Amino acid sequence: MLSALVAFASCKKGELNHTYGEDNGCISRIKRDYSDSNKVELATAVKLLQQNNISLNGLVIYQVILNDSISINGPLRVYQHVAAYEESKGLPIFNTGIGYHFKNGTFETSIGQRYGTLSLDTSAKATLPQIRKVFIDAFKKDGYTIDNRVNASSCLRAEFGYLNLTQDTPDHPSFVKVWKVAFTGYEYPVAYIQDDNRKLLSYFNGLLTLDKTNVSNK
């Protein structure tokens, strides 16, 4: 469902250098398109939201179900479901999501929290070599990885965005700027690294979350 990755910056290759907390191996900044790849369904979902006066601002629709038909001892009811992630100022809010549910084209209910435009800016403090070092250090400590040998040519992709550190209390969010990092061409392992202090918030190898925190796997 997820569409192709778009390179945001050139891949950086070089020798490993940990003197200043950096790893100058291969890493690229990317912006990922999470929208539904079925453009016909996507266009229908956009029209459905507009007809029900639901703002599209910041929404990235990633899943659409248009004909969820139910008939139990009564007339046929057709439900529609639209699931979306949020963006703020063009950057993804990684662990948020909202579902809109309709009956016969009329809005019924929504599930999830919508935050709108965040107060945080879009500038990054950490450099890509700094982010790579945090990820590679965590990867080398991962005892559940079959082969955790890496070198400077082992390429990573890094996506910049926002993360809510208090997902269990959605009415009192605490957003920070983060990097979502994984090996190029792979979904796992994946890590979320805080931008301002390069703290490893979460590392998930596809089996176990080694550093527990409240994040989803978007």
C-alpha atoms as a PDB file:
ATOM      1  CA  MET A   1       0.000   0.000   0.000  1.00  0.00           C
ATOM      2  CA  LEU A   2       2.844   2.313   0.721  1.00  0.00           C
ATOM      3  CA  SER A   3       4.216   3.987  -2.347  1.00  0.00           C
ATOM      4  CA  ALA A   4       7.827   4.445  -3.348  1.00  0.00           C
ATOM      5  CA  LEU A   5      10.424   6.220  -1.290  1.00  0.00           C
ATOM      6  CA  VAL A   6      11.630   9.548  -2.622  1.00  0.00           C
ATOM      7  CA  ALA A   7      15.226  10.494  -1.931  1.00  0.00           C
ATOM      8  CA  PHE A   8      15.467  13.879  -0.235  1.00  0.00           C
ATOM      9  CA  ALA A   9      19.229  14.087  -0.088  1.00  0.00           C
ATOM     10  CA  SER A  10      22.122  12.261  -1.652  1.00  0.00           C
ATOM     11  CA  CYS A  11      23.519   9.140  -0.038  1.00  0.00           C
ATOM     12  CA  LYS A  12      26.545   9.881   2.082  1.00  0.00           C
ATOM     13  CA  LYS A  13      29.348   7.303   2.110  1.00  0.00           C
ATOM     14  CA  GLY A  14      32.670   7.327   3.890  1.00  0.00           C
ATOM     15  CA  GLU A  15      34.776   5.855   6.624  1.00  0.00           C
ATOM     16  CA  LEU A  16      33.387   5.271  10.108  1.00  0.00           C
ATOM     17  CA  ASN A  17      34.339   8.126  12.435  1.00  0.00           C
ATOM     18  CA  HIS A  18      33.060   8.050  16.018  1.00  0.00           C
ATOM     19  CA  THR A  19      35.295  10.805  17.393  1.00  0.00           C
ATOM     20  CA  TYR A  20      32.475  13.360  17.465  1.00  0.00           C
ATOM     21  CA  GLY A  21      29.593  10.932  17.808  1.00  0.00           C
ATOM     22  CA  GLU A  22      29.201  10.553  14.064  1.00  0.00           C
ATOM     23  CA  ASP A  23      29.160   7.708  11.584  1.00  0.00           C
ATOM     24  CA  ASN A  24      29.909   8.878   8.065  1.00  0.00           C
ATOM     25  CA  GLY A  25      28.551   5.769   6.388  1.00  0.00           C
ATOM     26  CA  CYS A  26      25.703   5.712   3.895  1.00  0.00           C
ATOM     27  CA  ILE A  27      22.484   7.488   4.915  1.00  0.00           C
ATOM     28  CA  SER A  28      19.848   9.421   2.954  1.00  0.00           C
ATOM     29  CA  ARG A  29      17.089  11.730   4.094  1.00  0.00           C
ATOM     30  CA  ILE A  30      13.817  10.785   2.459  1.00  0.00           C
ATOM     31  CA  LYS A  31      10.188  11.866   2.401  1.00  0.00           C
ATOM     32  CA  ARG A  32       7.820   8.936   2.189  1.00  0.00           C
ATOM     33  CA  ASP A  33       4.419   9.013   0.501  1.00  0.00           C
ATOM     34  CA  TYR A  34       1.975   7.194   2.793  1.00  0.00           C
ATOM     35  CA  SER A  35      -1.146   7.938   0.747  1.00  0.00           C
ATOM     36  CA  ASP A  36      -3.370   5.187  -0.669  1.00  0.00           C
ATOM     37  CA  SER A  37      -1.905   3.961  -3.957  1.00  0.00           C
ATOM     38  CA  ASN A  38      -5.409   3.382  -5.382  1.00  0.00           C
ATOM     39  CA  LYS A  39      -5.991   6.865  -6.789  1.00  0.00           C
ATOM     40  CA  VAL A  40      -9.610   6.191  -7.747  1.00  0.00           C
ATOM     41  CA  GLU A  41     -10.523   5.212  -4.184  1.00  0.00           C
ATOM     42  CA  LEU A  42      -8.438   8.081  -2.867  1.00  0.00           C
ATOM     43  CA  ALA A  43     -10.322  10.609  -5.003  1.00  0.00           C
ATOM     44  CA  THR A  44     -13.646   9.150  -3.829  1.00  0.00           C
ATOM     45  CA  ALA A  45     -12.555   9.394  -0.195  1.00  0.00           C
ATOM     46  CA  VAL A  46     -11.545  13.043  -0.658  1.00  0.00           C
ATOM     47  CA  LYS A  47     -14.954  13.822  -2.139  1.00  0.00           C
ATOM     48  CA  LEU A  48     -16.677  11.975   0.724  1.00  0.00           C
ATOM     49  CA  LEU A  49     -14.838  14.019   3.333  1.00  0.00           C
ATOM     50  CA  GLN A  50     -15.547  17.268   1.505  1.00  0.00           C
ATOM     51  CA  GLN A  51     -19.267  16.473   1.188  1.00  0.00           C
ATOM     52  CA  ASN A  52     -19.391  16.005   4.959  1.00  0.00           C
ATOM     53  CA  ASN A  53     -17.509  19.257   5.673  1.00  0.00           C
ATOM     54  CA  ILE A  54     -14.433  17.490   7.064  1.00  0.00           C
ATOM     55  CA  SER A  55     -11.252  19.474   6.540  1.00  0.00           C
ATOM     56  CA  LEU A  56      -8.552  17.830   4.442  1.00  0.00           C
ATOM     57  CA  ASN A  57      -5.836  20.086   5.845  1.00  0.00           C
ATOM     58  CA  GLY A  58      -2.913  17.951   6.983  1.00  0.00           C
ATOM     59  CA  LEU A  59      -4.635  14.632   6.275  1.00  0.00           C
ATOM     60  CA  VAL A  60      -2.818  11.847   4.413  1.00  0.00           C
ATOM     61  CA  ILE A  61      -5.359   9.184   3.503  1.00  0.00           C
ATOM     62  CA  TYR A  62      -3.753   5.737   3.548  1.00  0.00           C
ATOM     63  CA  GLN A  63      -6.707   3.319   3.545  1.00  0.00           C
ATOM     64  CA  VAL A  64     -10.189   3.472   2.031  1.00  0.00           C
ATOM     65  CA  ILE A  65     -13.099   1.007   2.287  1.00  0.00           C
ATOM     66  CA  LEU A  66     -16.083   2.160   0.258  1.00  0.00           C
ATOM     67  CA  ASN A  67     -18.513  -0.780   0.260  1.00  0.00           C
ATOM     68  CA  ASP A  68     -18.755  -2.330   3.707  1.00  0.00           C
ATOM     69  CA  SER A  69     -22.256  -3.777   3.288  1.00  0.00           C
ATOM     70  CA  ILE A  70     -24.255  -5.025   6.277  1.00  0.00           C
ATOM     71  CA  SER A  71     -27.813  -6.414   6.319  1.00  0.00           C
ATOM     72  CA  ILE A  72     -29.099  -7.995   9.537  1.00  0.00           C
ATOM     73  CA  ASN A  73     -32.892  -8.389   9.772  1.00  0.00           C
ATOM     74  CA  GLY A  74     -33.403  -5.131   7.960  1.00  0.00           C
ATOM     75  CA  PRO A  75     -32.454  -2.948   5.014  1.00  0.00           C
ATOM     76  CA  LEU A  76     -29.011  -3.055   3.437  1.00  0.00           C
ATOM     77  CA  ARG A  77     -26.637  -0.524   4.935  1.00  0.00           C
ATOM     78  CA  VAL A  78     -23.449   0.446   3.157  1.00  0.00           C
ATOM     79  CA  TYR A  79     -20.651   1.860   5.272  1.00  0.00           C
ATOM     80  CA  GLN A  80     -17.529   3.720   4.174  1.00  0.00           C
ATOM     81  CA  HIS A  81     -14.310   3.968   6.159  1.00  0.00           C
ATOM     82  CA  VAL A  82     -11.446   6.403   5.613  1.00  0.00           C
ATOM     83  CA  ALA A  83      -8.221   6.099   7.617  1.00  0.00           C
ATOM     84  CA  ALA A  84      -5.649   8.879   7.615  1.00  0.00           C
ATOM     85  CA  TYR A  85      -2.392  10.003   9.135  1.00  0.00           C
ATOM     86  CA  GLU A  86      -1.627  13.617   9.914  1.00  0.00           C
ATOM     87  CA  GLU A  87       1.065  15.938   8.684  1.00  0.00           C
ATOM     88  CA  SER A  88       2.062  19.290  10.129  1.00  0.00           C
ATOM     89  CA  LYS A  89       3.853  21.853   7.966  1.00  0.00           C
ATOM     90  CA  GLY A  90       4.598  19.127   5.444  1.00  0.00           C
ATOM     91  CA  LEU A  91       6.171  16.701   7.941  1.00  0.00           C
ATOM     92  CA  PRO A  92       4.533  13.471   9.154  1.00  0.00           C
ATOM     93  CA  ILE A  93       3.210  13.032  12.686  1.00  0.00           C
ATOM     94  CA  PHE A  94       4.328   9.441  13.014  1.00  0.00           C
ATOM     95  CA  ASN A  95       2.218   7.966  15.790  1.00  0.00           C
ATOM     96  CA  THR A  96      -1.122   9.608  15.131  1.00  0.00           C
ATOM     97  CA  GLY A  97      -4.055   8.467  13.073  1.00  0.00           C
ATOM     98  CA  ILE A  98      -7.758   9.020  12.690  1.00  0.00           C
ATOM     99  CA  GLY A  99     -10.561   7.001  11.147  1.00  0.00           C
ATOM    100  CA  TYR A 100     -13.713   8.523   9.675  1.00  0.00           C
ATOM    101  CA  HIS A 101     -16.780   6.318   9.344  1.00  0.00           C
ATOM    102  CA  PHE A 102     -19.827   6.944   7.172  1.00  0.00           C
ATOM    103  CA  LYS A 103     -23.176   5.235   6.558  1.00  0.00           C
ATOM    104  CA  ASN A 104     -24.567   5.558   3.053  1.00  0.00           C
ATOM    105  CA  GLY A 105     -22.238   8.505   2.485  1.00  0.00           C
ATOM    106  CA  THR A 106     -23.225  10.390   5.648  1.00  0.00           C
ATOM    107  CA  PHE A 107     -20.751  10.923   8.487  1.00  0.00           C
ATOM    108  CA  GLU A 108     -21.382   8.717  11.514  1.00  0.00           C
ATOM    109  CA  THR A 109     -18.348   8.939  13.795  1.00  0.00           C
ATOM    110  CA  SER A 110     -14.584   9.284  14.001  1.00  0.00           C
ATOM    111  CA  ILE A 111     -12.001   7.386  16.017  1.00  0.00           C
ATOM    112  CA  GLY A 112      -8.670   8.882  16.988  1.00  0.00           C
ATOM    113  CA  GLN A 113      -7.280  12.295  17.822  1.00  0.00           C
ATOM    114  CA  ARG A 114      -6.645  15.045  15.314  1.00  0.00           C
ATOM    115  CA  TYR A 115      -4.011  17.631  16.295  1.00  0.00           C
ATOM    116  CA  GLY A 116      -3.805  20.024  13.374  1.00  0.00           C
ATOM    117  CA  THR A 117      -0.779  22.259  12.880  1.00  0.00           C
ATOM    118  CA  LEU A 118       1.828  21.861  15.626  1.00  0.00           C
ATOM    119  CA  SER A 119       3.788  24.721  17.160  1.00  0.00           C
ATOM    120  CA  LEU A 120       7.117  23.012  16.442  1.00  0.00           C
ATOM    121  CA  ASP A 121       9.128  24.238  13.472  1.00  0.00           C
ATOM    122  CA  THR A 122      10.470  22.106  10.628  1.00  0.00           C
ATOM    123  CA  SER A 123      14.212  22.575  11.154  1.00  0.00           C
ATOM    124  CA  ALA A 124      16.473  19.689  12.150  1.00  0.00           C
ATOM    125  CA  LYS A 125      19.291  20.046  14.680  1.00  0.00           C
ATOM    126  CA  ALA A 126      20.979  16.650  14.386  1.00  0.00           C
ATOM    127  CA  THR A 127      23.071  15.762  11.351  1.00  0.00           C
ATOM    128  CA  LEU A 128      22.611  12.593   9.336  1.00  0.00           C
ATOM    129  CA  PRO A 129      25.966  11.129  10.484  1.00  0.00           C
ATOM    130  CA  GLN A 130      24.904  11.669  14.117  1.00  0.00           C
ATOM    131  CA  ILE A 131      21.584   9.936  13.501  1.00  0.00           C
ATOM    132  CA  ARG A 132      23.297   7.057  11.712  1.00  0.00           C
ATOM    133  CA  LYS A 133      25.612   6.463  14.664  1.00  0.00           C
ATOM    134  CA  VAL A 134      22.712   6.174  17.129  1.00  0.00           C
ATOM    135  CA  PHE A 135      20.937   3.671  14.887  1.00  0.00           C
ATOM    136  CA  ILE A 136      24.018   1.571  14.108  1.00  0.00           C
ATOM    137  CA  ASP A 137      24.988   1.430  17.797  1.00  0.00           C
ATOM    138  CA  ALA A 138      21.504   0.116  18.649  1.00  0.00           C
ATOM    139  CA  PHE A 139      21.607  -2.332  15.759  1.00  0.00           C
ATOM    140  CA  LYS A 140      24.929  -3.801  16.902  1.00  0.00           C
ATOM    141  CA  LYS A 141      23.481  -4.387  20.385  1.00  0.00           C
ATOM    142  CA  ASP A 142      20.446  -6.195  18.973  1.00  0.00           C
ATOM    143  CA  GLY A 143      20.907  -9.830  19.987  1.00  0.00           C
ATOM    144  CA  TYR A 144      17.831 -10.880  18.003  1.00  0.00           C
ATOM    145  CA  THR A 145      19.200  -9.797  14.646  1.00  0.00           C
ATOM    146  CA  ILE A 146      20.477 -12.791  12.664  1.00  0.00           C
ATOM    147  CA  ASP A 147      23.356 -10.899  11.089  1.00  0.00           C
ATOM    148  CA  ASN A 148      24.166  -7.559  12.680  1.00  0.00           C
ATOM    149  CA  ARG A 149      27.377  -6.921  10.767  1.00  0.00           C
ATOM    150  CA  VAL A 150      27.393  -3.543   9.048  1.00  0.00           C
ATOM    151  CA  ASN A 151      29.924  -1.302   7.355  1.00  0.00           C
ATOM    152  CA  ALA A 152      30.027   2.151   5.789  1.00  0.00           C
ATOM    153  CA  SER A 153      28.215   0.940   2.655  1.00  0.00           C
ATOM    154  CA  SER A 154      25.221  -0.389   4.630  1.00  0.00           C
ATOM    155  CA  CYS A 155      22.745   2.324   3.626  1.00  0.00           C
ATOM    156  CA  LEU A 156      20.081   3.812   5.878  1.00  0.00           C
ATOM    157  CA  ARG A 157      17.050   5.946   5.154  1.00  0.00           C
ATOM    158  CA  ALA A 158      16.011   8.659   7.611  1.00  0.00           C
ATOM    159  CA  GLU A 159      12.664  10.448   7.648  1.00  0.00           C
ATOM    160  CA  PHE A 160      12.169  13.628   9.670  1.00  0.00           C
ATOM    161  CA  GLY A 161       8.898  14.346  11.451  1.00  0.00           C
ATOM    162  CA  TYR A 162       7.082  14.603  14.773  1.00  0.00           C
ATOM    163  CA  LEU A 163       6.244  12.122  17.535  1.00  0.00           C
ATOM    164  CA  ASN A 164       3.881  12.326  20.495  1.00  0.00           C
ATOM    165  CA  LEU A 165       5.690  11.088  23.606  1.00  0.00           C
ATOM    166  CA  THR A 166       2.440  10.809  25.589  1.00  0.00           C
ATOM    167  CA  GLN A 167       0.230   8.780  23.277  1.00  0.00           C
ATOM    168  CA  ASP A 168      -1.582   7.186  26.225  1.00  0.00           C
ATOM    169  CA  THR A 169      -2.926  10.629  27.156  1.00  0.00           C
ATOM    170  CA  PRO A 170      -3.972  12.069  23.765  1.00  0.00           C
ATOM    171  CA  ASP A 171      -5.650  15.090  25.343  1.00  0.00           C
ATOM    172  CA  HIS A 172      -2.264  16.167  26.725  1.00  0.00           C
ATOM    173  CA  PRO A 173       0.195  15.561  23.888  1.00  0.00           C
ATOM    174  CA  SER A 174       3.908  16.220  24.101  1.00  0.00           C
ATOM    175  CA  PHE A 175       5.352  16.434  20.612  1.00  0.00           C
ATOM    176  CA  VAL A 176       9.035  16.361  19.718  1.00  0.00           C
ATOM    177  CA  LYS A 177      10.929  16.349  16.450  1.00  0.00           C
ATOM    178  CA  VAL A 178      12.299  12.921  15.571  1.00  0.00           C
ATOM    179  CA  TRP A 179      13.984  10.827  12.924  1.00  0.00           C
ATOM    180  CA  LYS A 180      12.510   7.515  11.794  1.00  0.00           C
ATOM    181  CA  VAL A 181      15.400   5.343  10.626  1.00  0.00           C
ATOM    182  CA  ALA A 182      15.685   1.959   8.909  1.00  0.00           C
ATOM    183  CA  PHE A 183      17.919   0.197   6.411  1.00  0.00           C
ATOM    184  CA  THR A 184      17.186   1.154   2.820  1.00  0.00           C
ATOM    185  CA  GLY A 185      14.801  -1.381   1.302  1.00  0.00           C
ATOM    186  CA  TYR A 186      13.697  -2.853   4.659  1.00  0.00           C
ATOM    187  CA  GLU A 187      10.908  -2.071   7.113  1.00  0.00           C
ATOM    188  CA  TYR A 188      12.751  -3.505  10.146  1.00  0.00           C
ATOM    189  CA  PRO A 189      14.626  -2.845  12.262  1.00  0.00           C
ATOM    190  CA  VAL A 190      13.198   0.645  12.688  1.00  0.00           C
ATOM    191  CA  ALA A 191      14.157   3.286  15.234  1.00  0.00           C
ATOM    192  CA  TYR A 192      12.796   6.633  16.369  1.00  0.00           C
ATOM    193  CA  ILE A 193      15.524   9.063  17.455  1.00  0.00           C
ATOM    194  CA  GLN A 194      14.809  12.429  19.079  1.00  0.00           C
ATOM    195  CA  ASP A 195      16.304  15.251  17.040  1.00  0.00           C
ATOM    196  CA  ASP A 196      17.433  17.765  19.657  1.00  0.00           C
ATOM    197  CA  ASN A 197      19.354  15.361  21.925  1.00  0.00           C
ATOM    198  CA  ARG A 198      19.779  12.294  19.650  1.00  0.00           C
ATOM    199  CA  LYS A 199      18.076  10.100  22.266  1.00  0.00           C
ATOM    200  CA  LEU A 200      16.995   6.661  21.086  1.00  0.00           C
ATOM    201  CA  LEU A 201      13.262   6.651  21.831  1.00  0.00           C
ATOM    202  CA  SER A 202      12.466   3.265  20.349  1.00  0.00           C
ATOM    203  CA  TYR A 203      14.160   0.459  18.452  1.00  0.00           C
ATOM    204  CA  PHE A 204      11.977  -2.321  17.025  1.00  0.00           C
ATOM    205  CA  ASN A 205      13.565  -5.235  15.177  1.00  0.00           C
ATOM    206  CA  GLY A 206      10.281  -6.694  13.933  1.00  0.00           C
ATOM    207  CA  LEU A 207      10.078  -9.091  16.878  1.00  0.00           C
ATOM    208  CA  LEU A 208      10.791  -7.208  20.077  1.00  0.00           C
ATOM    209  CA  THR A 209      10.885  -3.556  21.057  1.00  0.00           C
ATOM    210  CA  LEU A 210      14.205  -3.295  22.862  1.00  0.00           C
ATOM    211  CA  ASP A 211      13.738   0.293  24.053  1.00  0.00           C
ATOM    212  CA  LYS A 212      10.126   0.573  25.145  1.00  0.00           C
ATOM    213  CA  THR A 213       8.298   3.802  24.390  1.00  0.00           C
ATOM    214  CA  ASN A 214       4.885   4.823  23.142  1.00  0.00           C
ATOM    215  CA  VAL A 215       5.248   4.796  19.382  1.00  0.00           C
ATOM    216  CA  SER A 216       3.492   3.023  16.560  1.00  0.00           C
ATOM    217  CA  ASN A 217       5.136   1.328  13.586  1.00  0.00           C
ATOM    218  CA  LYS A 218       4.031   3.757  10.929  1.00  0.00           C
END
